[in-house]
């Protein structure tokens, strides 16, 4: 796979619609062509303790951030015609579908590929686990800012270029 968009969402709480940041990496011809990152004002509008511990974002960080439809209007032209890739795509695809539902937006049936499934298929039991940072390291990528949406999307893109 040489043309795709790696995407990663972070959420404010346990609701899949509560996306509070997004990172997108556009790969064309097997090389990174563009990146996009934005904070997002989440819906519902609260941060759980657990999510704050995972990614470090707080309500204050997103107070003046745009809402999802405004952010998606900027992402949509970047990913047009490209399949989406995510590590544990079930999570990111679920977030995308749910936030589209919450904002009553028409969902375009995006095609998702999963680097987690690819890692399990390629590496099997040779890795201690198939977490993003473990798989990234196995693919030669140093993920130093794990749970920052753009850093995670960059790691996912690197994994996809190696495994898909």
N, C-alpha and C. Protein backbone atom coordinates (compact mmCIF):
# COMPACT_ATOMS: atom_id res chain seq x y z
N UNK A 1 0.85 -1.17 0.00
CA UNK A 1 0.00 0.00 0.00
C UNK A 1 0.90 1.24 0.00
N UNK A 2 0.75 2.08 -1.00
CA UNK A 2 1.62 3.25 -1.10
C UNK A 2 0.87 4.57 -0.95
N UNK A 3 -0.44 4.55 -1.08
CA UNK A 3 -1.25 5.77 -0.95
C UNK A 3 -2.34 5.53 0.08
N UNK A 4 -2.30 6.27 1.18
CA UNK A 4 -3.29 6.13 2.24
C UNK A 4 -3.18 7.30 3.20
N UNK A 5 -4.11 7.36 4.13
CA UNK A 5 -4.07 8.36 5.20
C UNK A 5 -4.13 7.63 6.53
N UNK A 6 -3.09 7.77 7.34
CA UNK A 6 -3.09 7.21 8.69
C UNK A 6 -3.78 8.23 9.60
N UNK A 7 -4.66 7.73 10.47
CA UNK A 7 -5.44 8.63 11.31
C UNK A 7 -5.46 8.11 12.74
N UNK A 8 -5.44 9.04 13.68
CA UNK A 8 -5.52 8.68 15.09
C UNK A 8 -6.35 9.72 15.83
N UNK A 9 -7.25 9.23 16.67
CA UNK A 9 -8.05 10.10 17.53
C UNK A 9 -7.68 9.87 18.98
N UNK A 10 -7.75 10.93 19.77
CA UNK A 10 -7.74 10.82 21.22
C UNK A 10 -9.10 11.29 21.69
N UNK A 11 -9.61 10.67 22.74
CA UNK A 11 -10.94 11.02 23.25
C UNK A 11 -10.85 11.62 24.64
N UNK A 12 -11.84 12.44 24.95
CA UNK A 12 -11.89 13.13 26.24
C UNK A 12 -12.44 12.25 27.35
N UNK A 13 -13.24 11.28 26.97
CA UNK A 13 -13.89 10.42 27.96
C UNK A 13 -14.24 9.09 27.29
N UNK A 14 -15.04 8.29 27.94
CA UNK A 14 -15.38 6.97 27.40
C UNK A 14 -16.33 6.97 26.22
N UNK A 15 -16.89 8.10 25.87
CA UNK A 15 -17.80 8.18 24.72
C UNK A 15 -16.99 8.28 23.44
N UNK A 16 -17.24 7.39 22.48
CA UNK A 16 -16.48 7.43 21.22
C UNK A 16 -16.59 8.76 20.48
N UNK A 17 -17.66 9.49 20.71
CA UNK A 17 -17.84 10.78 20.02
C UNK A 17 -17.01 11.90 20.62
N UNK A 18 -16.37 11.65 21.75
CA UNK A 18 -15.68 12.73 22.47
C UNK A 18 -14.27 12.98 21.97
N UNK A 19 -14.09 12.93 20.65
CA UNK A 19 -12.75 13.16 20.10
C UNK A 19 -12.28 14.55 20.50
N UNK A 20 -11.06 14.60 21.04
CA UNK A 20 -10.51 15.88 21.50
C UNK A 20 -9.24 16.26 20.74
N UNK A 21 -8.71 15.33 19.95
CA UNK A 21 -7.60 15.65 19.05
C UNK A 21 -7.56 14.61 17.94
N UNK A 22 -7.00 15.03 16.82
CA UNK A 22 -6.86 14.15 15.66
C UNK A 22 -5.52 14.42 15.00
N UNK A 23 -4.89 13.34 14.57
CA UNK A 23 -3.68 13.43 13.76
C UNK A 23 -3.89 12.66 12.48
N UNK A 24 -3.45 13.22 11.38
CA UNK A 24 -3.58 12.57 10.07
C UNK A 24 -2.24 12.68 9.35
N UNK A 25 -1.81 11.58 8.77
CA UNK A 25 -0.59 11.56 7.96
C UNK A 25 -0.97 11.05 6.58
N UNK A 26 -0.71 11.86 5.57
CA UNK A 26 -1.02 11.50 4.19
C UNK A 26 0.23 10.89 3.56
N UNK A 27 0.07 9.68 3.04
CA UNK A 27 1.17 8.99 2.37
C UNK A 27 0.80 8.82 0.90
N UNK A 28 1.69 9.28 0.03
CA UNK A 28 1.50 9.15 -1.41
C UNK A 28 2.80 8.61 -2.01
N UNK A 29 2.67 7.59 -2.83
CA UNK A 29 3.85 7.02 -3.44
C UNK A 29 4.82 6.43 -2.43
N UNK A 30 4.31 6.00 -1.29
CA UNK A 30 5.14 5.38 -0.27
C UNK A 30 5.94 6.35 0.58
N UNK A 31 5.62 7.64 0.51
CA UNK A 31 6.33 8.64 1.31
C UNK A 31 5.32 9.60 1.94
N UNK A 32 5.67 10.12 3.10
CA UNK A 32 4.79 11.09 3.77
C UNK A 32 4.73 12.35 2.92
N UNK A 33 3.51 12.72 2.54
CA UNK A 33 3.30 13.89 1.69
C UNK A 33 2.75 15.08 2.47
N UNK A 34 2.04 14.81 3.59
CA UNK A 34 1.42 15.89 4.34
C UNK A 34 1.03 15.37 5.72
N UNK A 35 0.89 16.28 6.66
CA UNK A 35 0.40 15.93 7.99
C UNK A 35 -0.61 16.98 8.43
N UNK A 36 -1.47 16.57 9.35
CA UNK A 36 -2.47 17.49 9.90
C UNK A 36 -2.70 17.12 11.36
N UNK A 37 -2.79 18.13 12.20
CA UNK A 37 -3.10 17.92 13.62
C UNK A 37 -4.03 19.03 14.09
N UNK A 38 -5.00 18.66 14.92
CA UNK A 38 -5.85 19.67 15.52
C UNK A 38 -6.40 19.18 16.85
N UNK A 39 -6.51 20.10 17.78
CA UNK A 39 -7.32 19.86 18.96
C UNK A 39 -8.76 20.02 18.53
N UNK A 40 -9.68 19.39 19.27
CA UNK A 40 -11.10 19.44 18.93
C UNK A 40 -11.88 19.65 20.22
N UNK A 41 -12.86 20.53 20.18
CA UNK A 41 -13.75 20.71 21.33
C UNK A 41 -14.68 19.48 21.37
N UNK A 42 -14.58 18.65 22.42
CA UNK A 42 -15.28 17.36 22.40
C UNK A 42 -16.77 17.46 22.69
N UNK A 43 -17.47 16.41 22.29
CA UNK A 43 -18.90 16.24 22.58
C UNK A 43 -19.12 14.78 22.96
N UNK A 44 -19.50 14.46 24.19
CA UNK A 44 -19.82 15.39 25.28
C UNK A 44 -18.57 16.07 25.83
N UNK A 45 -18.83 17.20 26.45
CA UNK A 45 -17.79 18.15 26.81
C UNK A 45 -17.28 17.97 28.24
N UNK A 46 -16.65 16.83 28.50
CA UNK A 46 -15.97 16.64 29.79
C UNK A 46 -14.81 15.67 29.60
N UNK A 47 -13.83 15.79 30.47
CA UNK A 47 -12.65 14.93 30.41
C UNK A 47 -12.64 14.00 31.61
N UNK A 48 -12.54 12.71 31.34
CA UNK A 48 -12.44 11.74 32.42
C UNK A 48 -11.01 11.72 32.94
N UNK A 49 -10.86 11.33 34.18
CA UNK A 49 -9.54 11.24 34.80
C UNK A 49 -8.65 10.30 33.99
N UNK A 50 -9.18 9.16 33.60
CA UNK A 50 -8.39 8.16 32.87
C UNK A 50 -7.85 8.73 31.56
N UNK A 51 -8.70 9.36 30.78
CA UNK A 51 -8.26 9.89 29.49
C UNK A 51 -7.23 11.00 29.67
N UNK A 52 -7.42 11.83 30.68
CA UNK A 52 -6.42 12.87 30.97
C UNK A 52 -5.07 12.25 31.28
N UNK A 53 -5.09 11.13 32.01
CA UNK A 53 -3.83 10.45 32.35
C UNK A 53 -3.17 9.86 31.11
N UNK A 54 -3.97 9.39 30.16
CA UNK A 54 -3.43 8.75 28.95
C UNK A 54 -2.75 9.77 28.05
N UNK A 55 -3.47 10.85 27.69
CA UNK A 55 -2.92 11.78 26.69
C UNK A 55 -2.53 13.14 27.23
N UNK A 56 -2.92 13.44 28.45
CA UNK A 56 -2.51 14.70 29.06
C UNK A 56 -3.32 15.92 28.68
N UNK A 57 -4.33 15.76 27.85
CA UNK A 57 -5.16 16.90 27.45
C UNK A 57 -6.22 17.18 28.51
N UNK A 58 -6.57 18.45 28.64
CA UNK A 58 -7.58 18.86 29.62
C UNK A 58 -8.62 19.75 28.93
N UNK A 59 -9.66 20.06 29.66
CA UNK A 59 -10.70 20.95 29.13
C UNK A 59 -10.11 22.31 28.77
N UNK A 60 -9.15 22.78 29.53
CA UNK A 60 -8.52 24.06 29.22
C UNK A 60 -7.78 24.05 27.89
N UNK A 61 -7.22 22.90 27.53
CA UNK A 61 -6.49 22.79 26.27
C UNK A 61 -7.40 22.95 25.06
N UNK A 62 -8.64 22.53 25.19
CA UNK A 62 -9.56 22.53 24.04
C UNK A 62 -10.64 23.60 24.14
N UNK A 63 -10.53 24.45 25.14
CA UNK A 63 -11.56 25.47 25.37
C UNK A 63 -11.87 26.28 24.13
N UNK A 64 -10.85 26.69 23.40
CA UNK A 64 -11.04 27.51 22.19
C UNK A 64 -10.87 26.71 20.90
N UNK A 65 -10.81 25.39 21.01
CA UNK A 65 -10.62 24.53 19.83
C UNK A 65 -11.90 24.47 19.01
N UNK A 66 -11.77 24.22 17.71
CA UNK A 66 -12.97 24.09 16.86
C UNK A 66 -13.72 22.79 17.17
N UNK A 67 -14.99 22.77 16.81
CA UNK A 67 -15.78 21.55 16.95
C UNK A 67 -15.45 20.63 15.77
N UNK A 68 -15.84 19.36 15.91
CA UNK A 68 -15.46 18.35 14.92
C UNK A 68 -15.84 18.71 13.48
N UNK A 69 -17.07 19.16 13.19
CA UNK A 69 -17.39 19.43 11.78
C UNK A 69 -16.44 20.44 11.14
N UNK A 70 -16.00 21.43 11.90
CA UNK A 70 -15.06 22.42 11.35
C UNK A 70 -13.70 21.79 11.06
N UNK A 71 -13.25 20.91 11.95
CA UNK A 71 -11.98 20.22 11.74
C UNK A 71 -12.09 19.27 10.55
N UNK A 72 -13.19 18.54 10.46
CA UNK A 72 -13.34 17.56 9.38
C UNK A 72 -13.38 18.23 8.02
N UNK A 73 -13.91 19.43 7.94
CA UNK A 73 -13.91 20.16 6.66
C UNK A 73 -12.49 20.41 6.17
N UNK A 74 -11.54 20.50 7.09
CA UNK A 74 -10.14 20.69 6.71
C UNK A 74 -9.47 19.36 6.35
N UNK A 75 -9.91 18.27 6.99
CA UNK A 75 -9.31 16.95 6.75
C UNK A 75 -9.84 16.33 5.46
N UNK A 76 -11.12 16.49 5.22
CA UNK A 76 -11.78 15.80 4.11
C UNK A 76 -11.07 15.95 2.77
N UNK A 77 -10.65 17.15 2.36
CA UNK A 77 -9.95 17.24 1.07
C UNK A 77 -8.59 16.56 1.08
N UNK A 78 -7.96 16.47 2.23
CA UNK A 78 -6.65 15.82 2.33
C UNK A 78 -6.74 14.31 2.09
N UNK A 79 -7.83 13.71 2.55
CA UNK A 79 -7.96 12.24 2.50
C UNK A 79 -8.82 11.75 1.35
N UNK A 80 -9.31 12.67 0.54
CA UNK A 80 -10.22 12.29 -0.54
C UNK A 80 -9.62 11.19 -1.41
N UNK A 81 -10.37 10.10 -1.56
CA UNK A 81 -9.97 8.99 -2.40
C UNK A 81 -8.96 8.04 -1.77
N UNK A 82 -8.57 8.30 -0.53
CA UNK A 82 -7.57 7.46 0.12
C UNK A 82 -8.21 6.53 1.14
N UNK A 83 -7.71 5.30 1.26
CA UNK A 83 -8.14 4.46 2.37
C UNK A 83 -7.53 5.01 3.66
N UNK A 84 -8.19 4.75 4.78
CA UNK A 84 -7.70 5.18 6.08
C UNK A 84 -7.03 4.00 6.79
N UNK A 85 -5.98 4.29 7.50
CA UNK A 85 -5.24 3.27 8.24
C UNK A 85 -5.15 3.72 9.69
N UNK A 86 -5.37 2.79 10.60
CA UNK A 86 -5.27 3.10 12.03
C UNK A 86 -4.76 1.87 12.76
N UNK A 87 -4.13 2.09 13.89
CA UNK A 87 -3.71 0.98 14.74
C UNK A 87 -4.86 0.73 15.71
N UNK A 88 -5.43 -0.47 15.62
CA UNK A 88 -6.70 -0.79 16.28
C UNK A 88 -7.81 0.04 15.63
N UNK A 89 -7.97 -0.18 14.34
CA UNK A 89 -8.90 0.60 13.52
C UNK A 89 -10.32 0.57 14.08
N UNK A 90 -10.67 -0.48 14.77
CA UNK A 90 -12.02 -0.56 15.34
C UNK A 90 -12.30 0.64 16.24
N UNK A 91 -11.31 1.06 17.02
CA UNK A 91 -11.47 2.22 17.89
C UNK A 91 -11.65 3.50 17.07
N UNK A 92 -10.70 3.77 16.16
CA UNK A 92 -10.73 5.02 15.41
C UNK A 92 -11.92 5.10 14.46
N UNK A 93 -12.24 3.99 13.81
CA UNK A 93 -13.42 3.98 12.94
C UNK A 93 -14.68 4.18 13.76
N UNK A 94 -14.74 3.57 14.95
CA UNK A 94 -15.89 3.75 15.83
C UNK A 94 -16.04 5.20 16.27
N UNK A 95 -14.92 5.85 16.59
CA UNK A 95 -14.96 7.27 16.95
C UNK A 95 -15.48 8.09 15.78
N UNK A 96 -14.95 7.83 14.60
CA UNK A 96 -15.34 8.60 13.43
C UNK A 96 -16.83 8.44 13.14
N UNK A 97 -17.31 7.22 13.15
CA UNK A 97 -18.73 6.99 12.88
C UNK A 97 -19.61 7.66 13.94
N UNK A 98 -19.20 7.55 15.20
CA UNK A 98 -20.01 8.10 16.28
C UNK A 98 -20.04 9.63 16.26
N UNK A 99 -18.91 10.26 16.00
CA UNK A 99 -18.90 11.72 15.98
C UNK A 99 -19.67 12.24 14.75
N UNK A 100 -19.64 11.50 13.66
CA UNK A 100 -20.48 11.85 12.51
C UNK A 100 -21.96 11.77 12.91
N UNK A 101 -22.32 10.72 13.65
CA UNK A 101 -23.71 10.55 14.08
C UNK A 101 -24.13 11.69 15.01
N UNK A 102 -23.29 12.02 15.98
CA UNK A 102 -23.62 13.06 16.95
C UNK A 102 -23.85 14.40 16.26
N UNK A 103 -23.05 14.70 15.26
CA UNK A 103 -23.19 15.98 14.56
C UNK A 103 -24.10 15.88 13.33
N UNK A 104 -24.75 14.74 13.17
CA UNK A 104 -25.70 14.50 12.08
C UNK A 104 -25.07 14.82 10.71
N UNK A 105 -23.85 14.30 10.53
CA UNK A 105 -23.14 14.46 9.27
C UNK A 105 -23.29 13.17 8.46
N UNK A 106 -23.25 13.28 7.15
CA UNK A 106 -23.34 12.10 6.29
C UNK A 106 -21.99 11.39 6.27
N UNK A 107 -21.98 10.12 6.68
CA UNK A 107 -20.76 9.33 6.72
C UNK A 107 -20.49 8.74 5.35
N UNK A 108 -19.26 8.82 4.90
CA UNK A 108 -18.90 8.42 3.53
C UNK A 108 -18.41 6.99 3.39
N UNK A 109 -18.67 6.11 4.35
CA UNK A 109 -18.21 4.72 4.28
C UNK A 109 -16.73 4.63 3.96
N UNK A 110 -15.93 5.27 4.78
CA UNK A 110 -14.48 5.23 4.61
C UNK A 110 -13.99 3.79 4.77
N UNK A 111 -13.01 3.41 3.96
CA UNK A 111 -12.40 2.09 4.04
C UNK A 111 -11.24 2.19 5.02
N UNK A 112 -11.25 1.33 6.04
CA UNK A 112 -10.20 1.31 7.06
C UNK A 112 -9.35 0.04 6.93
N UNK A 113 -8.05 0.20 7.11
CA UNK A 113 -7.12 -0.91 7.25
C UNK A 113 -6.51 -0.81 8.64
N UNK A 114 -6.20 -1.96 9.21
CA UNK A 114 -5.79 -2.02 10.61
C UNK A 114 -4.36 -2.54 10.75
N UNK A 115 -3.46 -1.67 11.24
CA UNK A 115 -2.08 -2.10 11.44
C UNK A 115 -1.95 -3.05 12.63
N UNK A 116 -2.89 -3.03 13.57
CA UNK A 116 -2.87 -3.99 14.67
C UNK A 116 -3.08 -5.40 14.11
N UNK A 117 -4.09 -5.57 13.26
CA UNK A 117 -4.34 -6.88 12.64
C UNK A 117 -3.16 -7.29 11.77
N UNK A 118 -2.58 -6.34 11.06
CA UNK A 118 -1.41 -6.65 10.22
C UNK A 118 -0.24 -7.11 11.07
N UNK A 119 -0.03 -6.47 12.21
CA UNK A 119 1.04 -6.85 13.10
C UNK A 119 0.84 -8.27 13.64
N UNK A 120 -0.37 -8.58 14.04
CA UNK A 120 -0.66 -9.93 14.54
C UNK A 120 -0.41 -10.97 13.45
N UNK A 121 -0.76 -10.62 12.22
CA UNK A 121 -0.58 -11.54 11.10
C UNK A 121 0.90 -11.72 10.77
N UNK A 122 1.65 -10.63 10.74
CA UNK A 122 3.06 -10.68 10.34
C UNK A 122 3.96 -11.17 11.47
N UNK A 123 3.77 -10.63 12.67
CA UNK A 123 4.69 -10.94 13.77
C UNK A 123 4.23 -12.07 14.67
N UNK A 124 2.92 -12.31 14.74
CA UNK A 124 2.41 -13.38 15.58
C UNK A 124 2.94 -13.30 16.99
N UNK A 125 3.51 -14.40 17.48
CA UNK A 125 4.02 -14.49 18.85
C UNK A 125 5.44 -13.97 19.00
N UNK A 126 6.03 -13.44 17.94
CA UNK A 126 7.41 -12.95 18.03
C UNK A 126 7.53 -11.62 18.76
N UNK A 127 6.41 -10.95 19.00
CA UNK A 127 6.41 -9.72 19.79
C UNK A 127 5.76 -10.00 21.14
N UNK A 128 6.17 -9.29 22.19
CA UNK A 128 5.55 -9.50 23.50
C UNK A 128 4.10 -9.03 23.54
N UNK A 129 3.77 -8.05 22.69
CA UNK A 129 2.40 -7.56 22.55
C UNK A 129 2.33 -6.83 21.21
N UNK A 130 1.18 -6.36 20.86
CA UNK A 130 1.01 -5.68 19.58
C UNK A 130 0.54 -4.24 19.77
N UNK A 131 0.94 -3.64 20.90
CA UNK A 131 0.64 -2.23 21.14
C UNK A 131 1.39 -1.38 20.12
N UNK A 132 0.88 -0.19 19.91
CA UNK A 132 1.44 0.69 18.89
C UNK A 132 2.94 0.91 19.08
N UNK A 133 3.37 1.23 20.29
CA UNK A 133 4.78 1.51 20.49
C UNK A 133 5.66 0.27 20.28
N UNK A 134 5.15 -0.90 20.61
CA UNK A 134 5.89 -2.15 20.41
C UNK A 134 6.04 -2.45 18.92
N UNK A 135 4.96 -2.33 18.19
CA UNK A 135 4.98 -2.62 16.75
C UNK A 135 5.82 -1.57 16.02
N UNK A 136 5.69 -0.31 16.43
CA UNK A 136 6.50 0.75 15.82
C UNK A 136 7.98 0.44 15.97
N UNK A 137 8.38 0.04 17.18
CA UNK A 137 9.79 -0.29 17.42
C UNK A 137 10.22 -1.47 16.56
N UNK A 138 9.37 -2.48 16.42
CA UNK A 138 9.70 -3.64 15.60
C UNK A 138 9.86 -3.25 14.13
N UNK A 139 9.19 -2.17 13.73
CA UNK A 139 9.29 -1.68 12.35
C UNK A 139 10.37 -0.61 12.19
N UNK A 140 11.13 -0.37 13.26
CA UNK A 140 12.23 0.59 13.17
C UNK A 140 11.85 2.02 13.40
N UNK A 141 10.70 2.26 14.03
CA UNK A 141 10.24 3.63 14.29
C UNK A 141 10.24 3.90 15.79
N UNK A 142 10.81 5.01 16.20
CA UNK A 142 10.88 5.37 17.61
C UNK A 142 9.71 6.30 17.95
N UNK A 143 8.71 5.75 18.62
CA UNK A 143 7.53 6.52 19.02
C UNK A 143 7.79 7.11 20.39
N UNK A 144 8.18 8.38 20.41
CA UNK A 144 8.55 9.00 21.68
C UNK A 144 7.40 9.77 22.33
N UNK A 145 6.41 10.18 21.57
CA UNK A 145 5.29 10.97 22.14
C UNK A 145 3.99 10.19 22.03
N UNK A 146 4.00 8.96 22.49
CA UNK A 146 2.82 8.10 22.40
C UNK A 146 1.60 8.78 23.03
N UNK A 147 0.46 8.63 22.40
CA UNK A 147 -0.83 9.21 22.77
C UNK A 147 -0.94 10.69 22.43
N UNK A 148 -0.04 11.19 21.61
CA UNK A 148 -0.25 12.46 20.92
C UNK A 148 -0.78 12.03 19.55
N UNK A 149 -1.93 12.53 19.15
CA UNK A 149 -2.60 12.01 17.95
C UNK A 149 -1.73 12.04 16.70
N UNK A 150 -0.97 13.10 16.50
CA UNK A 150 -0.13 13.15 15.30
C UNK A 150 1.03 12.18 15.41
N UNK A 151 1.65 12.09 16.58
CA UNK A 151 2.76 11.14 16.75
C UNK A 151 2.28 9.72 16.53
N UNK A 152 1.11 9.39 17.04
CA UNK A 152 0.56 8.05 16.84
C UNK A 152 0.22 7.80 15.38
N UNK A 153 -0.32 8.81 14.69
CA UNK A 153 -0.62 8.65 13.26
C UNK A 153 0.66 8.47 12.46
N UNK A 154 1.73 9.18 12.85
CA UNK A 154 3.02 9.02 12.16
C UNK A 154 3.56 7.61 12.36
N UNK A 155 3.47 7.10 13.58
CA UNK A 155 3.92 5.72 13.84
C UNK A 155 3.09 4.74 13.03
N UNK A 156 1.79 4.94 13.00
CA UNK A 156 0.89 4.07 12.25
C UNK A 156 1.24 4.09 10.76
N UNK A 157 1.52 5.27 10.24
CA UNK A 157 1.89 5.38 8.82
C UNK A 157 3.16 4.60 8.54
N UNK A 158 4.14 4.71 9.43
CA UNK A 158 5.40 4.00 9.25
C UNK A 158 5.17 2.49 9.28
N UNK A 159 4.34 2.03 10.24
CA UNK A 159 4.01 0.60 10.33
C UNK A 159 3.31 0.15 9.05
N UNK A 160 2.36 0.93 8.59
CA UNK A 160 1.60 0.56 7.38
C UNK A 160 2.51 0.45 6.18
N UNK A 161 3.48 1.37 6.06
CA UNK A 161 4.40 1.30 4.92
C UNK A 161 5.26 0.04 4.98
N UNK A 162 5.49 -0.50 6.17
CA UNK A 162 6.29 -1.72 6.33
C UNK A 162 5.44 -2.99 6.19
N UNK A 163 4.22 -2.95 6.73
CA UNK A 163 3.45 -4.20 6.86
C UNK A 163 2.29 -4.37 5.88
N UNK A 164 1.79 -3.29 5.33
CA UNK A 164 0.60 -3.42 4.46
C UNK A 164 1.01 -3.43 2.99
